[in-house]
Amino acid sequence: MKLNLHLLLGFVFLYVPLTASALEPSANIKVTPLIQSTQSWNETPIVYPEGQAQITGLMIEIAPGADTGWHQHSAPSFGVITQGTLEVTLKDGRVKRLQAGDALIEVVNTDHIGRNVGDIPVKLIVFYAGAVGQVLTVKAK
């Protein structure tokens, strides 16, 4: 009886299509690439921190006219703007303007400031690839 069950299961796996994984586009699944790079937007290579890996995801909201203050991140991160217009400025004067739907690989160990330059709150989702115990954001000196 076990042999027949194994044959039946083998037949099912060979001839019955399996459900598509989340990464395989199909009629029921749409995959839209957001961003992929080996460097942050200021062209610095991405380097992961040492230690026990820890992923942190945050929803950040910035009021119209407000800013984040000058700061830097110690771990690679990327974000997606879900609402509003965000302008990110580096100390060297480079500026990146982002709208809802835009994605950004953030700078690491580089002073920068984010400003809401629109008239509605900026909402962004950010994911950090850090390490356990690592401080992800610090105020610039």
C-alpha atoms as a PDB file:
ATOM      1  CA  MET A   1       0.000   0.000   0.000  1.00  0.00           C
ATOM      2  CA  LYS A   2       2.883   2.419   0.737  1.00  0.00           C
ATOM      3  CA  LEU A   3       4.273   1.898  -2.757  1.00  0.00           C
ATOM      4  CA  ASN A   4       0.950   2.878  -4.331  1.00  0.00           C
ATOM      5  CA  LEU A   5       0.746   5.995  -2.169  1.00  0.00           C
ATOM      6  CA  HIS A   6       4.291   6.986  -3.191  1.00  0.00           C
ATOM      7  CA  LEU A   7       3.449   6.454  -6.861  1.00  0.00           C
ATOM      8  CA  LEU A   8       0.315   8.560  -6.495  1.00  0.00           C
ATOM      9  CA  LEU A   9       2.215  11.368  -4.778  1.00  0.00           C
ATOM     10  CA  GLY A  10       4.942  11.204  -7.422  1.00  0.00           C
ATOM     11  CA  PHE A  11       2.308  11.485 -10.147  1.00  0.00           C
ATOM     12  CA  VAL A  12       0.706  14.464  -8.425  1.00  0.00           C
ATOM     13  CA  PHE A  13       4.029  16.312  -8.088  1.00  0.00           C
ATOM     14  CA  LEU A  14       5.022  15.597 -11.688  1.00  0.00           C
ATOM     15  CA  TYR A  15       1.762  16.381 -13.440  1.00  0.00           C
ATOM     16  CA  VAL A  16      -0.136  18.836 -11.276  1.00  0.00           C
ATOM     17  CA  PRO A  17       1.221  22.390 -11.420  1.00  0.00           C
ATOM     18  CA  LEU A  18       2.411  23.697  -8.075  1.00  0.00           C
ATOM     19  CA  THR A  19       1.347  27.099  -6.777  1.00  0.00           C
ATOM     20  CA  ALA A  20       3.702  29.811  -8.030  1.00  0.00           C
ATOM     21  CA  SER A  21       6.107  31.263  -5.494  1.00  0.00           C
ATOM     22  CA  ALA A  22       5.845  34.953  -4.616  1.00  0.00           C
ATOM     23  CA  LEU A  23       8.769  35.782  -6.919  1.00  0.00           C
ATOM     24  CA  GLU A  24       7.427  34.165 -10.066  1.00  0.00           C
ATOM     25  CA  PRO A  25       5.239  36.506 -12.118  1.00  0.00           C
ATOM     26  CA  SER A  26       2.019  34.964 -13.375  1.00  0.00           C
ATOM     27  CA  ALA A  27      -1.530  35.957 -14.245  1.00  0.00           C
ATOM     28  CA  ASN A  28      -2.248  36.181 -10.499  1.00  0.00           C
ATOM     29  CA  ILE A  29       1.067  37.595  -9.273  1.00  0.00           C
ATOM     30  CA  LYS A  30       2.616  40.888 -10.395  1.00  0.00           C
ATOM     31  CA  VAL A  31       6.276  41.481  -9.522  1.00  0.00           C
ATOM     32  CA  THR A  32       7.558  45.061  -9.732  1.00  0.00           C
ATOM     33  CA  PRO A  33      11.260  45.570  -9.023  1.00  0.00           C
ATOM     34  CA  LEU A  34      11.784  48.549  -6.701  1.00  0.00           C
ATOM     35  CA  ILE A  35      15.561  48.852  -6.507  1.00  0.00           C
ATOM     36  CA  GLN A  36      18.741  46.795  -6.772  1.00  0.00           C
ATOM     37  CA  SER A  37      22.307  47.998  -6.437  1.00  0.00           C
ATOM     38  CA  THR A  38      25.701  47.228  -4.951  1.00  0.00           C
ATOM     39  CA  GLN A  39      26.083  50.841  -3.802  1.00  0.00           C
ATOM     40  CA  SER A  40      24.136  53.581  -2.059  1.00  0.00           C
ATOM     41  CA  TRP A  41      22.843  56.614  -3.950  1.00  0.00           C
ATOM     42  CA  ASN A  42      26.109  58.510  -3.350  1.00  0.00           C
ATOM     43  CA  GLU A  43      27.949  55.675  -5.173  1.00  0.00           C
ATOM     44  CA  THR A  44      29.550  54.196  -2.023  1.00  0.00           C
ATOM     45  CA  PRO A  45      29.772  50.361  -2.029  1.00  0.00           C
ATOM     46  CA  ILE A  46      27.400  48.587   0.360  1.00  0.00           C
ATOM     47  CA  VAL A  47      29.210  46.767   3.179  1.00  0.00           C
ATOM     48  CA  TYR A  48      27.316  44.712   5.738  1.00  0.00           C
ATOM     49  CA  PRO A  49      28.285  45.086   9.407  1.00  0.00           C
ATOM     50  CA  GLU A  50      29.921  42.281  11.344  1.00  0.00           C
ATOM     51  CA  GLY A  51      28.091  40.407  14.084  1.00  0.00           C
ATOM     52  CA  GLN A  52      24.739  38.625  14.340  1.00  0.00           C
ATOM     53  CA  ALA A  53      22.615  39.912  11.462  1.00  0.00           C
ATOM     54  CA  GLN A  54      19.426  41.752  12.353  1.00  0.00           C
ATOM     55  CA  ILE A  55      16.880  43.273   9.957  1.00  0.00           C
ATOM     56  CA  THR A  56      14.881  46.250  11.223  1.00  0.00           C
ATOM     57  CA  GLY A  57      11.886  47.723   9.408  1.00  0.00           C
ATOM     58  CA  LEU A  58      10.434  51.125  10.280  1.00  0.00           C
ATOM     59  CA  MET A  59       7.527  53.259   9.093  1.00  0.00           C
ATOM     60  CA  ILE A  60       8.661  56.891   9.290  1.00  0.00           C
ATOM     61  CA  GLU A  61       6.381  59.911   8.940  1.00  0.00           C
ATOM     62  CA  ILE A  62       7.666  63.474   8.457  1.00  0.00           C
ATOM     63  CA  ALA A  63       5.267  66.423   8.749  1.00  0.00           C
ATOM     64  CA  PRO A  64       5.059  69.015   5.948  1.00  0.00           C
ATOM     65  CA  GLY A  65       8.001  71.435   6.233  1.00  0.00           C
ATOM     66  CA  ALA A  66       9.768  69.283   8.860  1.00  0.00           C
ATOM     67  CA  ASP A  67      13.168  67.618   8.595  1.00  0.00           C
ATOM     68  CA  THR A  68      15.033  64.740  10.202  1.00  0.00           C
ATOM     69  CA  GLY A  69      17.969  66.831  11.384  1.00  0.00           C
ATOM     70  CA  TRP A  70      21.490  66.020  10.244  1.00  0.00           C
ATOM     71  CA  HIS A  71      22.279  62.373  10.962  1.00  0.00           C
ATOM     72  CA  GLN A  72      23.955  59.253   9.634  1.00  0.00           C
ATOM     73  CA  HIS A  73      23.317  55.517   9.584  1.00  0.00           C
ATOM     74  CA  SER A  74      25.826  52.842  10.528  1.00  0.00           C
ATOM     75  CA  ALA A  75      24.139  50.047   8.558  1.00  0.00           C
ATOM     76  CA  PRO A  76      22.984  49.645   4.968  1.00  0.00           C
ATOM     77  CA  SER A  77      19.325  50.463   4.458  1.00  0.00           C
ATOM     78  CA  PHE A  78      16.785  51.079   1.777  1.00  0.00           C
ATOM     79  CA  GLY A  79      13.470  52.831   1.832  1.00  0.00           C
ATOM     80  CA  VAL A  80      10.332  53.256  -0.218  1.00  0.00           C
ATOM     81  CA  ILE A  81       8.369  56.501  -0.202  1.00  0.00           C
ATOM     82  CA  THR A  82       4.667  55.698   0.124  1.00  0.00           C
ATOM     83  CA  GLN A  83       3.397  59.288   0.325  1.00  0.00           C
ATOM     84  CA  GLY A  84       4.658  62.832  -0.186  1.00  0.00           C
ATOM     85  CA  THR A  85       7.882  64.405  -1.441  1.00  0.00           C
ATOM     86  CA  LEU A  86      11.177  63.905   0.391  1.00  0.00           C
ATOM     87  CA  GLU A  87      14.405  65.725  -0.349  1.00  0.00           C
ATOM     88  CA  VAL A  88      17.630  64.173   0.987  1.00  0.00           C
ATOM     89  CA  THR A  89      20.713  66.415   1.087  1.00  0.00           C
ATOM     90  CA  LEU A  90      24.335  65.437   1.754  1.00  0.00           C
ATOM     91  CA  LYS A  91      26.882  67.761   3.421  1.00  0.00           C
ATOM     92  CA  ASP A  92      28.650  68.080   0.045  1.00  0.00           C
ATOM     93  CA  GLY A  93      25.479  69.610  -1.431  1.00  0.00           C
ATOM     94  CA  ARG A  94      24.214  66.658  -3.455  1.00  0.00           C
ATOM     95  CA  VAL A  95      20.419  66.377  -3.343  1.00  0.00           C
ATOM     96  CA  LYS A  96      18.050  63.512  -4.098  1.00  0.00           C
ATOM     97  CA  ARG A  97      14.310  64.254  -4.447  1.00  0.00           C
ATOM     98  CA  LEU A  98      11.892  61.358  -4.010  1.00  0.00           C
ATOM     99  CA  GLN A  99       8.156  61.033  -4.634  1.00  0.00           C
ATOM    100  CA  ALA A 100       5.633  58.386  -3.611  1.00  0.00           C
ATOM    101  CA  GLY A 101       6.641  55.078  -5.200  1.00  0.00           C
ATOM    102  CA  ASP A 102      10.368  55.916  -5.368  1.00  0.00           C
ATOM    103  CA  ALA A 103      12.936  53.707  -3.652  1.00  0.00           C
ATOM    104  CA  LEU A 104      16.335  54.733  -2.282  1.00  0.00           C
ATOM    105  CA  ILE A 105      19.408  52.891  -1.034  1.00  0.00           C
ATOM    106  CA  GLU A 106      20.480  55.153   1.815  1.00  0.00           C
ATOM    107  CA  VAL A 107      23.987  56.434   2.458  1.00  0.00           C
ATOM    108  CA  VAL A 108      26.038  54.843   5.264  1.00  0.00           C
ATOM    109  CA  ASN A 109      28.337  56.729   7.660  1.00  0.00           C
ATOM    110  CA  THR A 110      27.604  59.925   5.725  1.00  0.00           C
ATOM    111  CA  ASP A 111      25.942  63.026   7.192  1.00  0.00           C
ATOM    112  CA  HIS A 112      22.616  63.841   5.532  1.00  0.00           C
ATOM    113  CA  ILE A 113      19.241  65.408   6.217  1.00  0.00           C
ATOM    114  CA  GLY A 114      15.772  64.538   4.947  1.00  0.00           C
ATOM    115  CA  ARG A 115      13.195  67.291   4.406  1.00  0.00           C
ATOM    116  CA  ASN A 116       9.520  67.094   3.600  1.00  0.00           C
ATOM    117  CA  VAL A 117       9.270  69.651   0.774  1.00  0.00           C
ATOM    118  CA  GLY A 118       5.591  68.975   0.079  1.00  0.00           C
ATOM    119  CA  ASP A 119       2.301  69.934   1.663  1.00  0.00           C
ATOM    120  CA  ILE A 120       1.304  66.479   2.948  1.00  0.00           C
ATOM    121  CA  PRO A 121       3.133  64.185   5.394  1.00  0.00           C
ATOM    122  CA  VAL A 122       5.953  62.096   3.925  1.00  0.00           C
ATOM    123  CA  LYS A 123       5.562  58.423   4.754  1.00  0.00           C
ATOM    124  CA  LEU A 124       8.389  56.028   4.085  1.00  0.00           C
ATOM    125  CA  ILE A 125       9.139  52.448   4.975  1.00  0.00           C
ATOM    126  CA  VAL A 126      12.810  51.791   5.704  1.00  0.00           C
ATOM    127  CA  PHE A 127      14.622  48.462   6.165  1.00  0.00           C
ATOM    128  CA  TYR A 128      18.050  48.305   7.835  1.00  0.00           C
ATOM    129  CA  ALA A 129      20.467  45.386   7.434  1.00  0.00           C
ATOM    130  CA  GLY A 130      22.311  45.815  10.724  1.00  0.00           C
ATOM    131  CA  ALA A 131      23.614  43.696  13.564  1.00  0.00           C
ATOM    132  CA  VAL A 132      22.228  42.911  17.020  1.00  0.00           C
ATOM    133  CA  GLY A 133      23.033  45.803  19.378  1.00  0.00           C
ATOM    134  CA  GLN A 134      24.038  48.173  16.589  1.00  0.00           C
ATOM    135  CA  VAL A 135      22.765  51.752  16.786  1.00  0.00           C
ATOM    136  CA  LEU A 136      21.259  52.399  13.351  1.00  0.00           C
ATOM    137  CA  THR A 137      20.949  56.210  13.370  1.00  0.00           C
ATOM    138  CA  VAL A 138      23.043  58.819  15.162  1.00  0.00           C
ATOM    139  CA  LYS A 139      22.902  62.617  15.119  1.00  0.00           C
ATOM    140  CA  ALA A 140      25.651  64.209  13.049  1.00  0.00           C
ATOM    141  CA  LYS A 141      28.448  65.944  14.957  1.00  0.00           C
END
